[in-house]
Amino acid sequence: MEFIQIGKLGRTFGLEGALRLCPETDFPERFNSLKQVYLNKNHPPYLIRELKQNGDKFLISFENYDSPEKSQELVNSPVLVPLEERIPLPEGEHYLFEYEGMKVSDMNGKSYGFIKEAIEMTTCTTFIIFNESREFWLPYIDVAVIKEDFETNNMFINPLYLVEQE
C-alpha cells in the first residue's frame, strides 16, 4: 500500500494522551472525517479516539494511548493516509509528489536528469533535479517550466533557470 503524508504529530498535550497534530495538507478540513490514520507504513492503522481543532493545529488522541507517557512514543511521527484517499484536485493540478521521478530536459532534447524531490519554499515550489553526477534546483515558475507531460512523464524546461548545487 502507498501512502501520502498529511501531517506530523507534535508533543503531547494534557493528561489523557492527546498529541498536537500539525497539518501538512492544503485540505485541513479532511481531518474532521478521519477515523484512523497510519503513523508507520509497516504498522496497522491507529484508531482515532478524539480529534479537535486548536487554532490552525489539531489535538488528536488514539485508542490505547491514554497517558502522556504512552503517547510520547508517537511524537514526531508522520501522519499518513492511503494514497487512494487523497483529495482529488481540479483538472490540470497535481500533487507535488506526482512530479517525483519525472524526466527533465530542454526543448532541444538535452536531458538534465529526473526530479528527485519537490519542495515548497517561501517564495515558490522548487524542484530538485538529479543526474548521475550533479544536482540542480529549478524554481517552479512559468518561465522556467515550459511544459509538463504527465502521460509521458516528461518536463521540459528553460535551462537558464537551473541552479547547480555543490
Protein backbone atom coordinates (compact mmCIF):
# COMPACT_ATOMS: atom_id res chain seq x y z
CA MET A 1 0.00 0.00 0.00
CA GLU A 2 1.24 3.50 -0.85
CA PHE A 3 0.72 6.48 1.48
CA ILE A 4 0.79 10.26 1.47
CA GLN A 5 1.73 12.37 4.44
CA ILE A 6 -0.94 14.81 5.59
CA GLY A 7 0.54 15.90 8.90
CA LYS A 8 3.03 15.35 11.68
CA LEU A 9 2.49 14.65 15.36
CA GLY A 10 3.96 17.10 17.82
CA ARG A 11 4.39 16.96 21.58
CA THR A 12 1.87 15.56 24.00
CA PHE A 13 -0.88 17.75 25.45
CA GLY A 14 -2.74 17.26 28.71
CA LEU A 15 -3.01 14.21 30.92
CA GLU A 16 -5.09 11.92 28.69
CA GLY A 17 -2.55 11.17 25.96
CA ALA A 18 -3.53 13.77 23.36
CA LEU A 19 -0.92 14.95 20.86
CA ARG A 20 -0.60 18.11 18.83
CA LEU A 21 -1.15 17.49 15.13
CA CYS A 22 0.43 19.88 12.62
CA PRO A 23 -1.38 19.63 9.26
CA GLU A 24 0.77 19.30 6.14
CA THR A 25 -2.06 19.49 3.65
CA ASP A 26 -3.97 22.10 1.69
CA PHE A 27 -7.15 20.43 2.95
CA PRO A 28 -7.07 20.56 6.79
CA GLU A 29 -10.85 20.02 6.86
CA ARG A 30 -10.14 16.40 5.90
CA PHE A 31 -9.08 15.70 9.50
CA ASN A 32 -12.66 16.16 10.72
CA SER A 33 -13.83 12.98 8.96
CA LEU A 34 -10.87 10.71 9.70
CA LYS A 35 -11.50 7.60 11.78
CA GLN A 36 -7.98 6.17 11.53
CA VAL A 37 -4.50 7.10 10.27
CA TYR A 38 -1.19 5.38 9.76
CA LEU A 39 1.93 6.54 11.59
CA ASN A 40 4.20 3.96 10.05
CA LYS A 41 3.91 2.24 6.67
CA ASN A 42 4.52 -1.17 8.26
CA HIS A 43 2.06 -0.89 11.16
CA PRO A 44 -1.72 -1.36 11.26
CA PRO A 45 -3.76 1.86 11.37
CA TYR A 46 -4.14 3.81 14.60
CA LEU A 47 -7.78 4.34 15.55
CA ILE A 48 -8.63 7.93 16.42
CA ARG A 49 -10.34 8.29 19.79
CA GLU A 50 -10.83 12.06 19.59
CA LEU A 51 -9.84 14.89 17.29
CA LYS A 52 -10.49 18.58 17.83
CA GLN A 53 -9.22 21.75 16.24
CA ASN A 54 -6.98 24.04 18.27
CA GLY A 55 -6.30 27.19 16.21
CA ASP A 56 -4.53 26.18 13.00
CA LYS A 57 -3.48 22.87 14.53
CA PHE A 58 -5.39 19.92 15.93
CA LEU A 59 -5.33 17.81 19.07
CA ILE A 60 -5.58 14.10 18.40
CA SER A 61 -5.79 11.10 20.69
CA PHE A 62 -5.68 7.43 19.77
CA GLU A 63 -7.28 4.30 21.16
CA ASN A 64 -4.96 2.56 23.69
CA TYR A 65 -2.87 5.73 24.14
CA ASP A 66 -4.41 7.26 27.24
CA SER A 67 -1.44 8.83 29.01
CA PRO A 68 1.28 11.31 28.05
CA GLU A 69 3.91 8.66 28.78
CA LYS A 70 2.34 6.15 26.37
CA SER A 71 1.69 8.79 23.67
CA GLN A 72 5.27 10.09 23.93
CA GLU A 73 6.43 7.23 21.68
CA LEU A 74 4.31 8.69 18.84
CA VAL A 75 5.83 12.21 18.96
CA ASN A 76 7.32 13.34 15.62
CA SER A 77 5.56 10.56 13.70
CA PRO A 78 4.29 11.38 10.22
CA VAL A 79 0.51 11.17 9.82
CA LEU A 80 -0.23 9.09 6.74
CA VAL A 81 -3.31 8.08 4.76
CA PRO A 82 -3.51 5.61 1.88
CA LEU A 83 -2.76 7.19 -1.50
CA GLU A 84 -6.24 6.33 -2.76
CA GLU A 85 -7.74 8.54 -0.01
CA ARG A 86 -6.11 11.71 -1.32
CA ILE A 87 -8.45 14.59 -2.12
CA PRO A 88 -8.98 14.93 -5.89
CA LEU A 89 -7.53 18.13 -7.35
CA PRO A 90 -9.10 20.26 -10.06
CA GLU A 91 -8.33 19.40 -13.70
CA GLY A 92 -4.72 20.29 -14.60
CA GLU A 93 -3.45 20.46 -11.00
CA HIS A 94 -1.11 17.89 -9.48
CA TYR A 95 0.25 16.96 -6.08
CA LEU A 96 3.96 17.68 -5.67
CA PHE A 97 4.80 14.01 -5.13
CA GLU A 98 3.42 13.29 -8.62
CA TYR A 99 6.38 15.19 -10.11
CA GLU A 100 8.94 12.94 -8.44
CA GLY A 101 10.69 10.69 -10.96
CA MET A 102 9.70 12.87 -13.92
CA LYS A 103 12.41 13.15 -16.60
CA VAL A 104 13.70 16.70 -17.18
CA SER A 105 15.02 18.02 -20.49
CA ASP A 106 15.08 21.22 -22.51
CA MET A 107 13.07 21.76 -25.68
CA ASN A 108 16.09 20.62 -27.77
CA GLY A 109 16.07 17.22 -26.07
CA LYS A 110 19.10 17.69 -23.78
CA SER A 111 18.50 15.66 -20.63
CA TYR A 112 19.20 17.10 -17.18
CA GLY A 113 18.14 14.10 -15.11
CA PHE A 114 14.97 13.45 -13.14
CA ILE A 115 13.04 15.18 -10.37
CA LYS A 116 14.18 13.73 -7.08
CA GLU A 117 12.01 15.92 -4.88
CA ALA A 118 9.66 18.91 -4.94
CA ILE A 119 9.93 21.32 -2.02
CA GLU A 120 7.53 24.10 -1.06
CA MET A 121 9.71 27.07 -0.21
CA THR A 122 8.70 30.53 0.96
CA THR A 123 8.73 32.15 -2.47
CA CYS A 124 7.86 29.24 -4.76
CA THR A 125 7.97 25.48 -5.16
CA THR A 126 11.42 24.22 -6.13
CA PHE A 127 12.28 21.00 -7.94
CA ILE A 128 15.47 19.14 -7.05
CA ILE A 129 16.76 17.56 -10.24
CA PHE A 130 19.36 14.82 -10.06
CA ASN A 131 21.53 13.05 -12.59
CA GLU A 132 24.48 10.68 -12.06
CA SER A 133 26.96 13.38 -11.10
CA ARG A 134 25.13 16.62 -10.35
CA GLU A 135 22.16 18.12 -8.62
CA PHE A 136 20.21 21.16 -9.81
CA TRP A 137 17.45 23.25 -8.30
CA LEU A 138 14.72 24.65 -10.53
CA PRO A 139 12.03 27.11 -9.43
CA TYR A 140 8.50 26.13 -10.42
CA ILE A 141 7.71 29.32 -12.32
CA ASP A 142 6.23 29.82 -15.78
CA VAL A 143 9.46 30.99 -17.45
CA ALA A 144 11.46 28.03 -16.06
CA VAL A 145 8.98 25.19 -16.62
CA ILE A 146 7.85 25.30 -20.23
CA LYS A 147 5.75 22.14 -20.40
CA GLU A 148 4.72 19.22 -18.18
CA ASP A 149 3.61 15.97 -19.78
CA PHE A 150 2.29 13.54 -17.18
CA GLU A 151 1.36 10.95 -19.80
CA THR A 152 4.99 10.53 -20.91
CA ASN A 153 6.44 11.55 -17.50
CA ASN A 154 8.47 14.42 -19.02
CA MET A 155 9.07 18.01 -18.03
CA PHE A 156 10.51 20.50 -20.50
CA ILE A 157 12.43 23.42 -19.01
CA ASN A 158 14.38 26.55 -19.77
CA PRO A 159 17.89 25.59 -18.54
CA LEU A 160 18.78 29.23 -17.80
CA TYR A 161 16.87 28.84 -14.53
CA LEU A 162 18.75 25.76 -13.30
CA VAL A 163 20.92 26.38 -10.25
CA GLU A 164 23.67 23.79 -9.81
CA GLN A 165 24.24 22.62 -6.22
CA GLU A 166 27.63 21.68 -4.88
